[in-house]
Amino acid sequence: MYEVRFHGRGGQGAVTAAELLATAVAYEGKFSQAFPFFGVERRGAPVASFLRIDSSAIRLHQQIYYPDCIVILDPSLIGGIDFVKAIKPETIAIVNATKSKDDLAIPLKSIFVVNATDIALKQIGAPIVNTAMLGAFAKATKLVSLESLNRAIDERFPPALAGKNKAAVEECYKSLL
């Protein structure tokens, strides 16, 4: 089983990102489970969402404590939240940031960095980075194809918005450092 923890702020789409990814991997014949965790439920407050991916039915129903991957949608959370409190040595981080991975205070061996905010502003017209970061996830993990992500986006959003989000996914995929 592959477990992912998304960290963002309310309104950035961390929950939607997990749901879209769950749908996309299901299109590829995998089993998935996506669910949110909220603290103070307001825009801008730290939120987390969780995703499990497996080749067989998932019967586990609890938060993810030792993820294989953490996806950080908002770089301002770094330092404020202990992302590496409970991780495995091989956990990877996919971070939306303008800094290089060496300048981030994340003590992991595998860190992938992309400026998803600029990409989202350019492609979508708003700093909502959830779909863009799915492109980075697809490239870093190779667990889901761009085609399946695009199909999930088409199912979730109206055509005009889907096109913008798919462009953000593709650009983030190509831009991953």
Foldseek 3Di string as FASTA:
>chain_A
DAKEKEKDFAPLCQQVLQVLVQQLLVVVQKHKDKDWDDDPRDGGHMIMIMMDIGNDYDPDDDDDQEHLEYEYLDLVCQVVDDPVPGYDQNREYEYQDPDDPVPGPDPHPHYKYDNQQVLCCVLVVHSNRSLLVVLVVCQVPVSGDLVSSLVSLPVVDPPVNSRSSSSSSVVSNVGID
